[in-house]
Protein backbone atom coordinates (compact mmCIF):
# COMPACT_ATOMS: atom_id res chain seq x y z
CA MET A 1 86.48 112.16 56.50
CA THR A 2 88.62 115.06 55.81
CA THR A 3 87.47 117.14 52.73
CA ARG A 4 89.62 118.85 50.34
CA THR A 5 88.48 122.31 51.65
CA THR A 6 89.27 121.42 55.22
CA ILE A 7 92.77 120.36 54.30
CA ARG A 8 93.33 123.55 52.44
CA THR A 9 91.74 125.87 55.04
CA LEU A 10 93.77 124.29 57.95
CA ALA A 11 96.97 124.29 55.89
CA THR A 12 96.64 127.96 55.22
CA SER A 13 95.62 129.05 58.59
CA LEU A 14 98.92 127.35 60.11
CA THR A 15 101.05 128.84 57.14
CA LEU A 16 99.77 132.20 58.16
CA THR A 17 100.56 131.46 61.75
CA ALA A 18 104.15 130.46 60.88
CA ALA A 19 104.54 133.42 58.82
CA LEU A 20 103.48 135.93 61.59
CA ALA A 21 105.87 134.05 64.08
CA LEU A 22 108.90 134.77 61.67
CA THR A 23 108.01 138.32 61.13
CA ALA A 24 107.77 138.85 64.78
CA CYS A 25 111.43 137.52 65.46
CA GLY A 26 112.79 140.38 63.22
CA SER A 27 114.74 138.48 60.89
CA ASP A 28 116.20 140.50 57.93
CA SER A 29 117.07 137.59 55.65
CA GLU A 30 114.73 136.35 52.97
CA ALA A 31 113.87 132.70 52.18
CA GLY A 32 116.20 130.87 50.31
CA GLY A 33 119.24 132.91 51.19
CA ASP A 34 122.93 132.05 50.85
CA GLY A 35 123.29 130.69 54.25
CA ALA A 36 125.62 133.50 55.46
CA ALA A 37 123.19 134.66 58.44
CA ALA A 38 124.17 137.72 60.42
CA ASP A 39 126.05 137.00 63.63
CA GLY A 40 123.36 136.53 66.39
CA GLU A 41 120.34 136.15 64.20
CA THR A 42 117.78 133.97 65.44
CA VAL A 43 114.32 132.79 64.55
CA SER A 44 111.52 131.99 67.12
CA ILE A 45 110.36 128.37 67.26
CA THR A 46 107.36 127.37 69.33
CA ASP A 47 107.94 123.43 69.63
CA ALA A 48 105.78 120.57 70.37
CA GLN A 49 106.25 121.08 74.06
CA GLY A 50 104.80 124.54 73.99
CA ARG A 51 108.15 126.04 74.60
CA THR A 52 109.16 129.24 72.43
CA VAL A 53 112.94 128.93 71.69
CA ASP A 54 115.15 131.58 70.05
CA VAL A 55 117.03 129.31 67.62
CA PRO A 56 120.20 130.58 65.85
CA VAL A 57 119.76 130.95 62.10
CA ASN A 58 122.02 128.37 60.14
CA PRO A 59 123.40 126.87 63.29
CA GLU A 60 126.63 125.07 62.34
CA VAL A 61 126.70 122.07 64.56
CA VAL A 62 123.20 120.49 64.63
CA VAL A 63 122.15 117.03 66.20
CA ALA A 64 118.81 115.35 65.38
CA THR A 65 117.37 112.24 67.06
CA ASP A 66 114.30 112.06 64.78
CA TRP A 67 114.44 110.64 61.28
CA SER A 68 111.36 112.69 60.03
CA VAL A 69 113.36 115.98 61.16
CA ILE A 70 116.46 114.51 59.52
CA ARG A 71 114.73 113.62 56.28
CA THR A 72 113.03 117.08 55.98
CA LEU A 73 116.21 118.65 56.49
CA SER A 74 117.48 116.36 53.82
CA ASP A 75 114.73 117.33 51.64
CA LEU A 76 115.75 121.17 51.84
CA GLY A 77 119.53 120.26 51.28
CA ILE A 78 120.60 120.34 54.99
CA GLU A 79 122.89 117.71 56.43
CA VAL A 80 123.00 117.12 60.21
CA ASP A 81 126.12 116.38 62.06
CA ALA A 82 124.89 113.46 64.24
CA VAL A 83 121.90 110.90 63.91
CA PRO A 84 120.40 107.79 65.67
CA THR A 85 121.49 104.49 64.81
CA SER A 86 119.30 102.73 62.17
CA ASN A 87 118.64 98.90 62.34
CA ALA A 88 117.34 98.77 58.83
CA THR A 89 118.88 100.15 55.55
CA LEU A 90 117.86 103.77 55.05
CA PRO A 91 116.06 104.74 51.72
CA GLU A 92 118.41 106.02 48.90
CA ASP A 93 117.86 109.86 49.54
CA MET A 94 119.21 109.48 53.15
CA ALA A 95 122.23 107.14 52.02
CA GLN A 96 124.89 109.55 53.52
CA TYR A 97 123.60 108.60 56.90
CA ASP A 98 124.22 104.91 56.26
CA GLY A 99 127.76 104.70 55.75
CA GLY A 100 129.24 105.47 59.08
CA ASP A 101 130.93 108.56 58.13
CA ILE A 102 128.45 110.75 60.15
CA PRO A 103 128.29 109.99 64.06
CA THR A 104 125.58 107.89 65.47
CA VAL A 105 124.40 109.05 69.04
CA GLY A 106 122.09 106.61 70.46
CA THR A 107 118.74 105.01 69.45
CA LEU A 108 115.42 106.75 68.68
CA GLN A 109 114.39 106.12 72.36
CA GLU A 110 117.72 106.30 74.18
CA PRO A 111 120.10 109.06 73.01
CA ASP A 112 123.72 108.76 73.94
CA TYR A 113 124.00 112.03 75.91
CA GLU A 114 127.75 111.79 76.24
CA ALA A 115 128.30 111.50 72.53
CA ILE A 116 126.06 114.38 71.91
CA ASN A 117 127.96 116.46 74.51
CA GLU A 118 131.35 115.76 73.03
CA LEU A 119 129.89 117.48 69.63
CA GLU A 120 129.17 120.63 71.08
CA PRO A 121 126.11 121.00 69.27
CA ASP A 122 124.58 124.58 68.51
CA LEU A 123 121.22 123.10 68.16
CA ILE A 124 119.57 119.72 69.32
CA ILE A 125 116.41 118.70 67.65
CA ILE A 126 114.38 115.84 69.46
CA GLY A 127 111.14 114.49 68.22
CA SER A 128 108.61 111.44 67.78
CA ARG A 129 110.11 108.70 70.00
CA SER A 130 112.69 110.93 71.71
CA GLY A 131 110.20 113.91 71.96
CA ASN A 132 109.35 113.69 75.60
CA PRO A 133 109.98 115.89 78.74
CA GLU A 134 112.58 113.60 80.17
CA ILE A 135 114.97 113.45 77.06
CA LEU A 136 114.40 117.00 76.70
CA ALA A 137 115.54 117.81 80.26
CA GLU A 138 118.75 115.91 79.64
CA MET A 139 119.49 117.57 76.35
CA GLU A 140 119.14 121.14 78.04
CA LYS A 141 122.00 119.97 80.27
CA ILE A 142 124.16 119.98 76.98
CA SER A 143 122.86 122.75 75.04
CA PRO A 144 120.92 125.74 75.79
CA THR A 145 119.03 125.40 72.37
CA VAL A 146 117.01 122.30 72.20
CA ILE A 147 113.48 122.04 70.47
CA ASP A 148 110.97 119.13 70.19
CA LEU A 149 109.69 119.04 66.57
CA SER A 150 107.25 116.29 67.05
CA SER A 151 104.43 116.27 64.68
CA ARG A 152 101.56 115.83 67.39
CA PHE A 153 97.89 116.34 66.65
CA GLU A 154 94.66 116.03 68.44
CA GLU A 155 92.27 115.71 65.38
CA PRO A 156 92.79 113.61 62.30
CA ALA A 157 92.23 116.77 60.05
CA ASP A 158 95.19 118.41 61.91
CA GLN A 159 97.72 115.84 60.81
CA LEU A 160 98.88 117.50 57.49
CA PRO A 161 98.65 121.19 58.75
CA THR A 162 100.95 120.06 61.79
CA ILE A 163 103.52 118.33 59.48
CA GLU A 164 103.51 121.64 57.24
CA GLU A 165 104.03 123.81 60.41
CA ARG A 166 107.01 121.55 61.41
CA VAL A 167 108.46 121.57 57.90
CA VAL A 168 108.20 125.45 57.46
CA GLN A 169 109.77 125.94 60.98
CA LEU A 170 112.81 123.76 59.94
CA GLY A 171 113.09 125.69 56.77
CA SER A 172 112.99 128.96 58.76
CA ILE A 173 116.08 127.92 60.64
CA PHE A 174 118.19 127.50 57.59
CA GLU A 175 116.47 130.40 55.60
CA LYS A 176 114.67 127.87 53.45
CA GLU A 177 111.09 128.58 54.54
CA ALA A 178 109.92 129.39 50.97
CA GLU A 179 111.39 126.26 49.73
CA ALA A 180 109.71 124.32 52.61
CA GLN A 181 106.31 126.02 51.93
CA ASP A 182 106.55 124.99 48.33
CA LEU A 183 107.23 121.27 49.19
CA MET A 184 104.13 121.25 51.35
CA ASP A 185 101.94 123.21 48.90
CA ASP A 186 102.67 120.68 46.27
CA LEU A 187 101.92 117.73 48.49
CA THR A 188 98.69 119.14 49.90
CA ALA A 189 97.45 119.62 46.12
CA GLN A 190 98.45 116.12 45.56
CA VAL A 191 96.77 114.59 48.64
CA GLU A 192 93.71 116.70 47.60
CA GLU A 193 93.66 115.03 44.21
CA VAL A 194 94.03 111.40 45.65
CA ASN A 195 91.36 112.23 48.11
CA THR A 196 88.88 112.97 45.17
CA GLN A 197 89.92 109.84 43.16
CA ALA A 198 89.62 107.57 46.28
CA ALA A 199 86.23 109.01 47.41
CA GLU A 200 85.00 108.61 43.98
CA SER A 201 86.34 104.84 43.59
CA GLY A 202 83.89 103.67 46.00
CA GLU A 203 86.41 101.38 47.45
CA THR A 204 86.63 100.73 51.15
CA ALA A 205 90.31 100.38 52.34
CA LEU A 206 91.90 98.54 55.25
CA PHE A 207 95.46 99.33 56.82
CA VAL A 208 97.17 96.42 58.30
CA GLN A 209 100.48 96.22 60.12
CA VAL A 210 102.06 92.76 60.23
CA SER A 211 104.63 92.06 62.85
CA GLY A 212 105.55 88.73 64.57
CA GLY A 213 103.34 86.82 62.27
CA THR A 214 100.16 88.47 63.44
CA ALA A 215 98.18 91.38 61.85
CA SER A 216 96.89 94.55 63.36
CA ALA A 217 94.23 96.83 61.72
CA TYR A 218 93.91 100.57 61.94
CA GLY A 219 91.00 102.54 61.07
CA PRO A 220 90.03 106.24 60.79
CA GLY A 221 91.60 108.48 63.52
CA SER A 222 94.45 105.96 64.29
CA ARG A 223 98.15 106.17 63.79
CA PHE A 224 97.59 105.48 60.09
CA GLY A 225 94.32 106.97 59.72
CA ILE A 226 95.62 109.24 57.28
CA VAL A 227 94.44 106.66 54.64
CA TYR A 228 91.00 107.53 55.26
CA ASP A 229 91.23 111.02 56.97
CA ALA A 230 93.21 112.73 54.43
CA PHE A 231 93.56 110.36 51.29
CA GLY A 232 89.87 109.84 51.18
CA TYR A 233 89.29 106.11 51.23
CA ALA A 234 86.21 105.00 53.03
CA ASP A 235 86.66 102.50 55.90
CA THR A 236 85.27 98.95 56.19
CA GLY A 237 83.01 99.58 59.09
CA ALA A 238 85.01 97.45 61.02
CA PRO A 239 84.97 98.43 64.90
CA VAL A 240 88.65 99.02 65.09
CA ASP A 241 89.92 100.69 68.34
CA GLU A 242 91.64 103.95 67.29
CA GLU A 243 93.57 104.30 70.50
CA GLY A 244 97.33 103.42 71.02
CA SER A 245 99.89 103.09 68.24
CA HIS A 246 99.93 99.25 67.79
CA GLY A 247 96.65 98.84 66.14
CA GLN A 248 94.04 96.08 67.07
CA GLU A 249 94.96 92.56 66.49
CA ILE A 250 92.84 90.92 64.15
CA SER A 251 92.26 87.28 62.95
CA GLN A 252 92.29 85.91 59.50
CA GLU A 253 88.57 85.81 59.40
CA PHE A 254 88.39 89.51 59.90
CA PHE A 255 89.35 90.06 56.28
CA THR A 256 86.58 88.04 54.89
CA GLU A 257 84.05 89.40 57.21
CA TYR A 258 84.71 93.02 56.42
CA ASN A 259 86.05 92.37 52.85
CA PRO A 260 88.28 95.55 52.21
CA GLY A 261 88.38 96.66 48.37
CA VAL A 262 91.95 97.91 49.17
CA LEU A 263 94.52 96.64 51.48
CA LEU A 264 97.54 98.41 52.38
CA VAL A 265 100.22 96.49 54.37
CA LEU A 266 102.91 97.67 56.43
CA ASP A 267 105.78 95.22 57.14
CA ARG A 268 106.93 96.41 60.73
CA ALA A 269 109.57 93.73 60.83
CA ALA A 270 111.23 94.96 57.66
CA ALA A 271 110.89 98.58 58.53
CA ILE A 272 112.98 98.07 61.76
CA GLY A 273 115.35 95.53 60.51
CA SER A 274 113.98 92.35 62.24
CA ASP A 275 114.31 88.86 60.57
CA GLU A 276 110.87 87.88 60.44
CA ALA A 277 108.45 86.29 57.82
CA PRO A 278 107.62 88.88 54.93
CA ALA A 279 104.31 90.50 55.56
CA LEU A 280 102.75 89.22 52.21
CA ASP A 281 103.76 85.65 52.81
CA VAL A 282 101.93 86.03 56.33
CA LEU A 283 98.75 87.29 54.61
CA ASN A 284 98.98 84.95 51.67
CA ASN A 285 96.27 82.35 52.75
CA ASP A 286 92.85 81.26 51.57
CA LEU A 287 90.91 83.87 53.84
CA VAL A 288 92.70 86.94 52.62
CA ASN A 289 92.87 85.73 49.21
CA THR A 290 88.94 85.76 49.03
CA THR A 291 88.84 89.56 49.62
CA ASP A 292 88.01 91.88 46.85
CA ALA A 293 91.43 93.36 47.48
CA ALA A 294 93.07 90.29 46.50
CA SER A 295 90.71 89.60 43.51
CA ASN A 296 91.22 92.89 42.05
CA ASP A 297 94.99 92.91 42.70
CA LYS A 298 94.86 95.76 45.17
CA ILE A 299 97.07 94.52 48.17
CA GLN A 300 99.61 97.14 48.33
CA LEU A 301 102.84 96.78 50.45
CA VAL A 302 103.59 100.38 51.64
CA ASP A 303 107.07 101.75 52.26
CA GLY A 304 108.06 101.01 55.91
CA PHE A 305 110.49 104.06 56.41
CA ALA A 306 107.88 106.54 55.13
CA TRP A 307 104.99 105.16 57.08
CA TYR A 308 106.60 103.78 60.27
CA ILE A 309 109.83 105.60 60.86
CA ALA A 310 109.91 109.24 59.31
CA GLY A 311 106.29 109.79 58.57
CA ALA A 312 106.31 113.74 58.97
CA ALA A 313 108.89 114.34 56.10
CA PRO A 314 107.99 115.75 52.76
CA SER A 315 109.69 112.75 50.88
CA SER A 316 107.79 110.32 53.16
CA ILE A 317 104.35 112.09 52.49
CA GLN A 318 105.32 111.99 48.81
CA GLN A 319 105.99 108.03 49.22
CA MET A 320 102.59 107.77 51.04
CA ILE A 321 100.84 109.53 48.17
CA ASP A 322 102.67 107.18 45.68
CA ASP A 323 101.63 104.09 47.67
CA VAL A 324 98.06 105.07 47.65
CA LYS A 325 98.01 105.99 44.09
CA ALA A 326 99.12 102.63 43.24
CA THR A 327 95.71 101.24 44.53
CA LEU A 328 93.51 103.43 42.55
């Protein structure tokens, strides 16, 4: 389990690394500038594929194919010029991308390269589902300035520091690195507080994704392991495979066998705009209802956009914090 000290130490280390990278690129502007960057000014970004790219400061035409990137920029007051299509209604803070006024350029997994090329972007940002070498190679045919800002991490303790690094990198491109750092510092402090409260509660938690009428469980180190690794809940001790992104399919008897004190539920169908039975209806049965989580009214439906679609943006981390706080 990640401790408060580990979270803070790793976050501080990555913050210093990002600051040194910005200093090395020779930018004269200060954080939070008015956006009027000098001609030719760049910032050096080392992306998720290990490439170091000189990115123009305050690029005029920006295409992004990852909702975490888009939401992060929205948190910083930056609007991009093209986004992927969305099958579900976007959250209120992203409403400007839900009305058709801003061009859509394919899906998360399959960008529309022709549409992107027509926009003549100064910067293309890929990530997450589009953050792979094949898509990068195609994007480089369109623009010389392409970066992959996926928030990939090897160890559970690296998740929040990696997200912080990406958020600050995005801030640096638009002269808002101080604002970006402030956002992440506040979130880190909140996570530490939740970590303490969850650990002191003595409760065990289980994170479950419901899709197609079936439930899949996630444990520490998994895609949704932040519940245990950063937020501090103890797991149930269930032998849940941490490999893969789809979790481990479980039976209804699983709930009574491992009896979680807190049950966090992701409705995947709702998150992707699919018409299926609501997750809480699927779990409303005699077996799940015998758990301590049900008895103590601690079955929490989490926000699908924050947890499943755009999990590496400040607003999404805040929503995760709020979802977990609701169970304390």
